[in-house]
Amino acid sequence: EINASDEARALYCTLETLQNATEPAASNAAIRDLILDN
């Protein structure tokens, strides 16, 4: 969903999402400028 968005260059997320979001996002080459938020 993030990759298919309007060329997202940054991702903000809360710490409660970090365990779910960090690994798949960090390993996916199509996500740009990832920003994971505490």
PDB file of all heavy atoms in Angstrom:
ATOM      1  N   GLU A   1       0.827  -1.207   0.000  1.00  0.00           N
ATOM      2  CA  GLU A   1       0.000   0.000   0.000  1.00  0.00           C
ATOM      3  C   GLU A   1       0.863   1.260   0.000  1.00  0.00           C
ATOM      4  O   GLU A   1       0.575   2.224  -0.722  1.00  0.00           O
ATOM      5  CB  GLU A   1      -0.922   0.002   1.221  1.00  0.00           C
ATOM      6  CG  GLU A   1      -1.818   1.234   1.310  1.00  0.00           C
ATOM      7  CD  GLU A   1      -2.735   1.217   2.521  1.00  0.00           C
ATOM      8  OE1 GLU A   1      -2.865   0.154   3.161  1.00  0.00           O
ATOM      9  OE2 GLU A   1      -3.317   2.280   2.824  1.00  0.00           O
ATOM     10  N   ILE A   2       1.932   1.240   0.804  1.00  0.00           N
ATOM     11  CA  ILE A   2       2.832   2.394   0.848  1.00  0.00           C
ATOM     12  C   ILE A   2       3.535   2.558  -0.491  1.00  0.00           C
ATOM     13  O   ILE A   2       3.629   3.661  -1.035  1.00  0.00           O
ATOM     14  CB  ILE A   2       3.846   2.242   1.997  1.00  0.00           C
ATOM     15  CG1 ILE A   2       3.129   2.239   3.345  1.00  0.00           C
ATOM     16  CG2 ILE A   2       4.895   3.358   1.942  1.00  0.00           C
ATOM     17  CD1 ILE A   2       3.990   1.815   4.503  1.00  0.00           C
ATOM     18  N   ASN A   3       4.006   1.438  -1.058  1.00  0.00           N
ATOM     19  CA  ASN A   3       4.693   1.506  -2.339  1.00  0.00           C
ATOM     20  C   ASN A   3       3.783   2.016  -3.451  1.00  0.00           C
ATOM     21  O   ASN A   3       4.231   2.688  -4.381  1.00  0.00           O
ATOM     22  CB  ASN A   3       5.215   0.122  -2.721  1.00  0.00           C
ATOM     23  CG  ASN A   3       6.364  -0.326  -1.849  1.00  0.00           C
ATOM     24  OD1 ASN A   3       7.007   0.487  -1.214  1.00  0.00           O
ATOM     25  ND2 ASN A   3       6.613  -1.626  -1.816  1.00  0.00           N
ATOM     26  N   ALA A   4       2.491   1.680  -3.353  1.00  0.00           N
ATOM     27  CA  ALA A   4       1.541   2.061  -4.394  1.00  0.00           C
ATOM     28  C   ALA A   4       1.005   3.479  -4.207  1.00  0.00           C
ATOM     29  O   ALA A   4       0.256   3.975  -5.048  1.00  0.00           O
ATOM     30  CB  ALA A   4       0.376   1.069  -4.412  1.00  0.00           C
ATOM     31  N   SER A   5       1.375   4.129  -3.115  1.00  0.00           N
ATOM     32  CA  SER A   5       0.895   5.482  -2.853  1.00  0.00           C
ATOM     33  C   SER A   5       1.548   6.452  -3.817  1.00  0.00           C
ATOM     34  O   SER A   5       2.362   6.074  -4.653  1.00  0.00           O
ATOM     35  CB  SER A   5       1.178   5.889  -1.405  1.00  0.00           C
ATOM     36  OG  SER A   5       2.576   5.974  -1.187  1.00  0.00           O
ATOM     37  N   ASP A   6       1.243   7.707  -3.668  1.00  0.00           N
ATOM     38  CA  ASP A   6       1.716   8.736  -4.588  1.00  0.00           C
ATOM     39  C   ASP A   6       3.205   9.009  -4.401  1.00  0.00           C
ATOM     40  O   ASP A   6       3.629  10.060  -3.921  1.00  0.00           O
ATOM     41  CB  ASP A   6       0.910  10.025  -4.369  1.00  0.00           C
ATOM     42  CG  ASP A   6       1.325  11.134  -5.327  1.00  0.00           C
ATOM     43  OD1 ASP A   6       1.881  10.818  -6.398  1.00  0.00           O
ATOM     44  OD2 ASP A   6       1.095  12.305  -5.001  1.00  0.00           O
ATOM     45  N   GLU A   7       4.026   8.007  -4.764  1.00  0.00           N
ATOM     46  CA  GLU A   7       5.486   8.129  -4.664  1.00  0.00           C
ATOM     47  C   GLU A   7       5.925   8.621  -3.290  1.00  0.00           C
ATOM     48  O   GLU A   7       6.693   9.589  -3.174  1.00  0.00           O
ATOM     49  CB  GLU A   7       6.025   9.059  -5.765  1.00  0.00           C
ATOM     50  CG  GLU A   7       5.822   8.509  -7.168  1.00  0.00           C
ATOM     51  CD  GLU A   7       6.481   9.365  -8.232  1.00  0.00           C
ATOM     52  OE1 GLU A   7       6.978  10.455  -7.893  1.00  0.00           O
ATOM     53  OE2 GLU A   7       6.502   8.943  -9.390  1.00  0.00           O
ATOM     54  N   ALA A   8       5.444   7.975  -2.247  1.00  0.00           N
ATOM     55  CA  ALA A   8       5.798   8.384  -0.884  1.00  0.00           C
ATOM     56  C   ALA A   8       7.306   8.364  -0.690  1.00  0.00           C
ATOM     57  O   ALA A   8       7.973   7.379  -0.985  1.00  0.00           O
ATOM     58  CB  ALA A   8       5.132   7.460   0.130  1.00  0.00           C
ATOM     59  N   ARG A   9       7.852   9.463  -0.194  1.00  0.00           N
ATOM     60  CA  ARG A   9       9.281   9.572   0.073  1.00  0.00           C
ATOM     61  C   ARG A   9       9.585   9.457   1.563  1.00  0.00           C
ATOM     62  O   ARG A   9      10.735   9.345   1.941  1.00  0.00           O
ATOM     63  CB  ARG A   9       9.817  10.921  -0.424  1.00  0.00           C
ATOM     64  CG  ARG A   9       9.731  11.108  -1.923  1.00  0.00           C
ATOM     65  CD  ARG A   9      10.574  10.063  -2.654  1.00  0.00           C
ATOM     66  NE  ARG A   9      10.819  10.463  -4.030  1.00  0.00           N
ATOM     67  CZ  ARG A   9       9.952  10.268  -5.007  1.00  0.00           C
ATOM     68  NH1 ARG A   9       8.816   9.672  -4.757  1.00  0.00           N
ATOM     69  NH2 ARG A   9      10.242  10.648  -6.243  1.00  0.00           N
ATOM     70  N   ALA A  10       8.561   9.544   2.401  1.00  0.00           N
ATOM     71  CA  ALA A  10       8.793   9.470   3.843  1.00  0.00           C
ATOM     72  C   ALA A  10       7.640   8.744   4.502  1.00  0.00           C
ATOM     73  O   ALA A  10       6.501   8.846   4.058  1.00  0.00           O
ATOM     74  CB  ALA A  10       8.933  10.873   4.436  1.00  0.00           C
ATOM     75  N   LEU A  11       7.955   7.999   5.536  1.00  0.00           N
ATOM     76  CA  LEU A  11       6.943   7.269   6.295  1.00  0.00           C
ATOM     77  C   LEU A  11       7.080   7.619   7.764  1.00  0.00           C
ATOM     78  O   LEU A  11       8.139   7.433   8.342  1.00  0.00           O
ATOM     79  CB  LEU A  11       7.116   5.769   6.098  1.00  0.00           C
ATOM     80  CG  LEU A  11       6.288   4.851   6.990  1.00  0.00           C
ATOM     81  CD1 LEU A  11       4.807   4.993   6.667  1.00  0.00           C
ATOM     82  CD2 LEU A  11       6.725   3.409   6.821  1.00  0.00           C
ATOM     83  N   TYR A  12       6.025   8.149   8.349  1.00  0.00           N
ATOM     84  CA  TYR A  12       5.999   8.422   9.781  1.00  0.00           C
ATOM     85  C   TYR A  12       5.125   7.374  10.448  1.00  0.00           C
ATOM     86  O   TYR A  12       3.989   7.176  10.039  1.00  0.00           O
ATOM     87  CB  TYR A  12       5.409   9.804  10.044  1.00  0.00           C
ATOM     88  CG  TYR A  12       6.404  10.932   9.996  1.00  0.00           C
ATOM     89  CD1 TYR A  12       7.100  11.210   8.832  1.00  0.00           C
ATOM     90  CD2 TYR A  12       6.666  11.718  11.122  1.00  0.00           C
ATOM     91  CE1 TYR A  12       8.013  12.245   8.775  1.00  0.00           C
ATOM     92  CE2 TYR A  12       7.579  12.749  11.066  1.00  0.00           C
ATOM     93  CZ  TYR A  12       8.248  13.011   9.895  1.00  0.00           C
ATOM     94  OH  TYR A  12       9.157  14.030   9.842  1.00  0.00           O
ATOM     95  N   CYS A  13       5.650   6.739  11.494  1.00  0.00           N
ATOM     96  CA  CYS A  13       4.807   5.793  12.225  1.00  0.00           C
ATOM     97  C   CYS A  13       5.111   5.837  13.706  1.00  0.00           C
ATOM     98  O   CYS A  13       6.168   6.296  14.127  1.00  0.00           O
ATOM     99  CB  CYS A  13       4.959   4.378  11.685  1.00  0.00           C
ATOM    100  SG  CYS A  13       6.449   3.537  12.165  1.00  0.00           S
ATOM    101  N   THR A  14       4.179   5.375  14.522  1.00  0.00           N
ATOM    102  CA  THR A  14       4.331   5.394  15.965  1.00  0.00           C
ATOM    103  C   THR A  14       5.096   4.169  16.446  1.00  0.00           C
ATOM    104  O   THR A  14       5.143   3.146  15.764  1.00  0.00           O
ATOM    105  CB  THR A  14       2.961   5.432  16.657  1.00  0.00           C
ATOM    106  OG1 THR A  14       2.209   4.313  16.217  1.00  0.00           O
ATOM    107  CG2 THR A  14       2.231   6.718  16.343  1.00  0.00           C
ATOM    108  N   LEU A  15       5.674   4.260  17.632  1.00  0.00           N
ATOM    109  CA  LEU A  15       6.469   3.177  18.188  1.00  0.00           C
ATOM    110  C   LEU A  15       5.654   1.906  18.324  1.00  0.00           C
ATOM    111  O   LEU A  15       6.169   0.810  18.164  1.00  0.00           O
ATOM    112  CB  LEU A  15       7.037   3.589  19.553  1.00  0.00           C
ATOM    113  CG  LEU A  15       8.020   2.614  20.202  1.00  0.00           C
ATOM    114  CD1 LEU A  15       9.229   2.428  19.297  1.00  0.00           C
ATOM    115  CD2 LEU A  15       8.463   3.112  21.561  1.00  0.00           C
ATOM    116  N   GLU A  16       4.364   2.023  18.591  1.00  0.00           N
ATOM    117  CA  GLU A  16       3.528   0.832  18.733  1.00  0.00           C
ATOM    118  C   GLU A  16       3.453   0.051  17.434  1.00  0.00           C
ATOM    119  O   GLU A  16       3.154  -1.131  17.420  1.00  0.00           O
ATOM    120  CB  GLU A  16       2.116   1.219  19.178  1.00  0.00           C
ATOM    121  CG  GLU A  16       1.372   2.062  18.163  1.00  0.00           C
ATOM    122  CD  GLU A  16       0.219   2.827  18.773  1.00  0.00           C
ATOM    123  OE1 GLU A  16       0.333   3.319  19.890  1.00  0.00           O
ATOM    124  OE2 GLU A  16      -0.817   2.903  18.109  1.00  0.00           O
ATOM    125  N   THR A  17       3.764   0.730  16.307  1.00  0.00           N
ATOM    126  CA  THR A  17       3.746   0.079  15.011  1.00  0.00           C
ATOM    127  C   THR A  17       5.126  -0.403  14.619  1.00  0.00           C
ATOM    128  O   THR A  17       5.284  -1.150  13.666  1.00  0.00           O
ATOM    129  CB  THR A  17       3.249   1.069  13.931  1.00  0.00           C
ATOM    130  OG1 THR A  17       2.070   1.695  14.408  1.00  0.00           O
ATOM    131  CG2 THR A  17       2.944   0.378  12.622  1.00  0.00           C
ATOM    132  N   LEU A  18       6.145  -0.019  15.382  1.00  0.00           N
ATOM    133  CA  LEU A  18       7.527  -0.236  14.972  1.00  0.00           C
ATOM    134  C   LEU A  18       7.846  -1.702  14.739  1.00  0.00           C
ATOM    135  O   LEU A  18       8.463  -2.062  13.748  1.00  0.00           O
ATOM    136  CB  LEU A  18       8.473   0.340  16.027  1.00  0.00           C
ATOM    137  CG  LEU A  18       9.970   0.277  15.692  1.00  0.00           C
ATOM    138  CD1 LEU A  18      10.241   1.008  14.389  1.00  0.00           C
ATOM    139  CD2 LEU A  18      10.782   0.848  16.815  1.00  0.00           C
ATOM    140  N   GLN A  19       7.434  -2.596  15.632  1.00  0.00           N
ATOM    141  CA  GLN A  19       7.752  -3.997  15.458  1.00  0.00           C
ATOM    142  C   GLN A  19       7.160  -4.539  14.166  1.00  0.00           C
ATOM    143  O   GLN A  19       7.758  -5.343  13.480  1.00  0.00           O
ATOM    144  CB  GLN A  19       7.240  -4.818  16.651  1.00  0.00           C
ATOM    145  CG  GLN A  19       8.134  -4.705  17.871  1.00  0.00           C
ATOM    146  CD  GLN A  19       7.752  -5.697  18.943  1.00  0.00           C
ATOM    147  OE1 GLN A  19       6.575  -5.972  19.144  1.00  0.00           O
ATOM    148  NE2 GLN A  19       8.725  -6.238  19.615  1.00  0.00           N
ATOM    149  N   ASN A  20       5.937  -4.108  13.840  1.00  0.00           N
ATOM    150  CA  ASN A  20       5.316  -4.554  12.605  1.00  0.00           C
ATOM    151  C   ASN A  20       5.941  -3.909  11.385  1.00  0.00           C
ATOM    152  O   ASN A  20       6.079  -4.541  10.350  1.00  0.00           O
ATOM    153  CB  ASN A  20       3.813  -4.226  12.609  1.00  0.00           C
ATOM    154  CG  ASN A  20       3.014  -5.169  13.463  1.00  0.00           C
ATOM    155  OD1 ASN A  20       3.511  -6.201  13.876  1.00  0.00           O
ATOM    156  ND2 ASN A  20       1.783  -4.803  13.737  1.00  0.00           N
ATOM    157  N   ALA A  21       6.292  -2.619  11.497  1.00  0.00           N
ATOM    158  CA  ALA A  21       6.652  -1.867  10.300  1.00  0.00           C
ATOM    159  C   ALA A  21       8.131  -1.903   9.956  1.00  0.00           C
ATOM    160  O   ALA A  21       8.481  -1.805   8.789  1.00  0.00           O
ATOM    161  CB  ALA A  21       6.212  -0.416  10.457  1.00  0.00           C
ATOM    162  N   THR A  22       9.022  -2.027  10.951  1.00  0.00           N
ATOM    163  CA  THR A  22      10.436  -1.823  10.681  1.00  0.00           C
ATOM    164  C   THR A  22      11.003  -2.827   9.687  1.00  0.00           C
ATOM    165  O   THR A  22      11.555  -2.460   8.669  1.00  0.00           O
ATOM    166  CB  THR A  22      11.256  -1.892  11.982  1.00  0.00           C
ATOM    167  OG1 THR A  22      10.799  -0.893  12.864  1.00  0.00           O
ATOM    168  CG2 THR A  22      12.734  -1.666  11.697  1.00  0.00           C
ATOM    169  N   GLU A  23      10.866  -4.110   9.955  1.00  0.00           N
ATOM    170  CA  GLU A  23      11.542  -5.088   9.131  1.00  0.00           C
ATOM    171  C   GLU A  23      11.018  -5.157   7.702  1.00  0.00           C
ATOM    172  O   GLU A  23      11.789  -5.076   6.766  1.00  0.00           O
ATOM    173  CB  GLU A  23      11.477  -6.478   9.801  1.00  0.00           C
ATOM    174  CG  GLU A  23      12.198  -6.520  11.138  1.00  0.00           C
ATOM    175  CD  GLU A  23      13.660  -6.100  11.036  1.00  0.00           C
ATOM    176  OE1 GLU A  23      14.265  -6.193   9.951  1.00  0.00           O
ATOM    177  OE2 GLU A  23      14.210  -5.656  12.043  1.00  0.00           O
ATOM    178  N   PRO A  24       9.706  -5.318   7.487  1.00  0.00           N
ATOM    179  CA  PRO A  24       9.267  -5.401   6.095  1.00  0.00           C
ATOM    180  C   PRO A  24       9.530  -4.125   5.324  1.00  0.00           C
ATOM    181  O   PRO A  24       9.863  -4.166   4.146  1.00  0.00           O
ATOM    182  CB  PRO A  24       7.761  -5.680   6.189  1.00  0.00           C
ATOM    183  CG  PRO A  24       7.377  -5.260   7.545  1.00  0.00           C
ATOM    184  CD  PRO A  24       8.595  -5.482   8.408  1.00  0.00           C
ATOM    185  N   ALA A  25       9.385  -2.995   5.974  1.00  0.00           N
ATOM    186  CA  ALA A  25       9.603  -1.731   5.269  1.00  0.00           C
ATOM    187  C   ALA A  25      11.077  -1.545   4.947  1.00  0.00           C
ATOM    188  O   ALA A  25      11.437  -1.144   3.854  1.00  0.00           O
ATOM    189  CB  ALA A  25       9.093  -0.571   6.107  1.00  0.00           C
ATOM    190  N   ALA A  26      11.925  -1.845   5.930  1.00  0.00           N
ATOM    191  CA  ALA A  26      13.350  -1.623   5.740  1.00  0.00           C
ATOM    192  C   ALA A  26      13.928  -2.580   4.704  1.00  0.00           C
ATOM    193  O   ALA A  26      14.963  -2.305   4.116  1.00  0.00           O
ATOM    194  CB  ALA A  26      14.091  -1.792   7.071  1.00  0.00           C
ATOM    195  N   SER A  27      13.281  -3.718   4.463  1.00  0.00           N
ATOM    196  CA  SER A  27      13.802  -4.678   3.503  1.00  0.00           C
ATOM    197  C   SER A  27      13.178  -4.509   2.129  1.00  0.00           C
ATOM    198  O   SER A  27      13.550  -5.193   1.193  1.00  0.00           O
ATOM    199  CB  SER A  27      13.523  -6.108   4.005  1.00  0.00           C
ATOM    200  OG  SER A  27      12.132  -6.335   4.054  1.00  0.00           O
ATOM    201  N   ASN A  28      12.239  -3.601   1.979  1.00  0.00           N
ATOM    202  CA  ASN A  28      11.541  -3.425   0.710  1.00  0.00           C
ATOM    203  C   ASN A  28      12.127  -2.237  -0.036  1.00  0.00           C
ATOM    204  O   ASN A  28      12.013  -1.103   0.384  1.00  0.00           O
ATOM    205  CB  ASN A  28      10.042  -3.207   0.945  1.00  0.00           C
ATOM    206  CG  ASN A  28       9.278  -3.316  -0.353  1.00  0.00           C
ATOM    207  OD1 ASN A  28       9.446  -2.517  -1.244  1.00  0.00           O
ATOM    208  ND2 ASN A  28       8.451  -4.332  -0.450  1.00  0.00           N
ATOM    209  N   ALA A  29      12.747  -2.516  -1.179  1.00  0.00           N
ATOM    210  CA  ALA A  29      13.501  -1.482  -1.894  1.00  0.00           C
ATOM    211  C   ALA A  29      12.617  -0.416  -2.514  1.00  0.00           C
ATOM    212  O   ALA A  29      13.114   0.603  -2.956  1.00  0.00           O
ATOM    213  CB  ALA A  29      14.345  -2.144  -2.983  1.00  0.00           C
ATOM    214  N   ALA A  30      11.308  -0.603  -2.567  1.00  0.00           N
ATOM    215  CA  ALA A  30      10.445   0.369  -3.233  1.00  0.00           C
ATOM    216  C   ALA A  30      10.015   1.508  -2.318  1.00  0.00           C
ATOM    217  O   ALA A  30       9.494   2.512  -2.768  1.00  0.00           O
ATOM    218  CB  ALA A  30       9.209  -0.328  -3.791  1.00  0.00           C
ATOM    219  N   ILE A  31      10.207   1.359  -1.014  1.00  0.00           N
ATOM    220  CA  ILE A  31       9.822   2.441  -0.094  1.00  0.00           C
ATOM    221  C   ILE A  31      10.919   3.491  -0.049  1.00  0.00           C
ATOM    222  O   ILE A  31      12.084   3.186   0.110  1.00  0.00           O
ATOM    223  CB  ILE A  31       9.554   1.897   1.317  1.00  0.00           C
ATOM    224  CG1 ILE A  31       8.282   1.069   1.304  1.00  0.00           C
ATOM    225  CG2 ILE A  31       9.406   3.033   2.317  1.00  0.00           C
ATOM    226  CD1 ILE A  31       7.898   0.546   2.655  1.00  0.00           C
ATOM    227  N   ARG A  32      10.525   4.751  -0.210  1.00  0.00           N
ATOM    228  CA  ARG A  32      11.485   5.848  -0.258  1.00  0.00           C
ATOM    229  C   ARG A  32      11.588   6.549   1.083  1.00  0.00           C
ATOM    230  O   ARG A  32      10.593   6.708   1.778  1.00  0.00           O
ATOM    231  CB  ARG A  32      11.040   6.914  -1.270  1.00  0.00           C
ATOM    232  CG  ARG A  32      10.644   6.386  -2.596  1.00  0.00           C
ATOM    233  CD  ARG A  32      11.816   5.895  -3.392  1.00  0.00           C
ATOM    234  NE  ARG A  32      11.603   4.550  -3.811  1.00  0.00           N
ATOM    235  CZ  ARG A  32      12.554   3.674  -3.946  1.00  0.00           C
ATOM    236  NH1 ARG A  32      13.760   3.961  -3.687  1.00  0.00           N
ATOM    237  NH2 ARG A  32      12.299   2.474  -4.337  1.00  0.00           N
ATOM    238  N   ASP A  33      12.760   7.042   1.394  1.00  0.00           N
ATOM    239  CA  ASP A  33      12.970   7.970   2.514  1.00  0.00           C
ATOM    240  C   ASP A  33      12.170   7.585   3.748  1.00  0.00           C
ATOM    241  O   ASP A  33      11.413   8.390   4.288  1.00  0.00           O
ATOM    242  CB  ASP A  33      12.582   9.402   2.106  1.00  0.00           C
ATOM    243  CG  ASP A  33      13.249   9.799   0.813  1.00  0.00           C
ATOM    244  OD1 ASP A  33      14.328   9.262   0.529  1.00  0.00           O
ATOM    245  OD2 ASP A  33      12.687  10.623   0.097  1.00  0.00           O
ATOM    246  N   LEU A  34      12.322   6.386   4.206  1.00  0.00           N
ATOM    247  CA  LEU A  34      11.502   5.875   5.303  1.00  0.00           C
ATOM    248  C   LEU A  34      11.801   6.601   6.604  1.00  0.00           C
ATOM    249  O   LEU A  34      12.948   6.740   6.989  1.00  0.00           O
ATOM    250  CB  LEU A  34      11.757   4.381   5.469  1.00  0.00           C
ATOM    251  CG  LEU A  34      10.951   3.661   6.521  1.00  0.00           C
ATOM    252  CD1 LEU A  34       9.480   3.674   6.138  1.00  0.00           C
ATOM    253  CD2 LEU A  34      11.440   2.236   6.655  1.00  0.00           C
ATOM    254  N   ILE A  35      10.756   7.082   7.252  1.00  0.00           N
ATOM    255  CA  ILE A  35      10.912   7.696   8.567  1.00  0.00           C
ATOM    256  C   ILE A  35      10.007   6.978   9.543  1.00  0.00           C
ATOM    257  O   ILE A  35       8.805   7.083   9.459  1.00  0.00           O
ATOM    258  CB  ILE A  35      10.552   9.191   8.571  1.00  0.00           C
ATOM    259  CG1 ILE A  35      11.423   9.933   7.550  1.00  0.00           C
ATOM    260  CG2 ILE A  35      10.756   9.792   9.952  1.00  0.00           C
ATOM    261  CD1 ILE A  35      11.162  11.404   7.523  1.00  0.00           C
ATOM    262  N   LEU A  36      10.590   6.247  10.471  1.00  0.00           N
ATOM    263  CA  LEU A  36       9.812   5.547  11.479  1.00  0.00           C
ATOM    264  C   LEU A  36       9.801   6.367  12.752  1.00  0.00           C
ATOM    265  O   LEU A  36      10.839   6.732  13.273  1.00  0.00           O
ATOM    266  CB  LEU A  36      10.427   4.165  11.764  1.00  0.00           C
ATOM    267  CG  LEU A  36      10.427   3.192  10.583  1.00  0.00           C
ATOM    268  CD1 LEU A  36      11.141   1.911  10.970  1.00  0.00           C
ATOM    269  CD2 LEU A  36       9.008   2.916  10.153  1.00  0.00           C
ATOM    270  N   ASP A  37       8.626   6.657  13.266  1.00  0.00           N
ATOM    271  CA  ASP A  37       8.485   7.571  14.387  1.00  0.00           C
ATOM    272  C   ASP A  37       8.244   6.880  15.727  1.00  0.00           C
ATOM    273  O   ASP A  37       7.478   5.954  15.804  1.00  0.00           O
ATOM    274  CB  ASP A  37       7.304   8.493  14.137  1.00  0.00           C
ATOM    275  CG  ASP A  37       7.762   9.854  13.729  1.00  0.00           C
ATOM    276  OD1 ASP A  37       8.778  10.289  14.272  1.00  0.00           O
ATOM    277  OD2 ASP A  37       7.114  10.463  12.887  1.00  0.00           O
ATOM    278  N   ASN A  38       8.859   7.415  16.767  1.00  0.00           N
ATOM    279  CA  ASN A  38       8.581   6.875  18.084  1.00  0.00           C
ATOM    280  C   ASN A  38       7.307   7.496  18.655  1.00  0.00           C
ATOM    281  O   ASN A  38       6.829   8.505  18.180  1.00  0.00           O
ATOM    282  CB  ASN A  38       9.773   7.086  19.042  1.00  0.00           C
ATOM    283  CG  ASN A  38      10.061   8.538  19.326  1.00  0.00           C
ATOM    284  OD1 ASN A  38       9.154   9.295  19.659  1.00  0.00           O
ATOM    285  ND2 ASN A  38      11.327   8.928  19.216  1.00  0.00           N
TER     286      ASN A  38
END
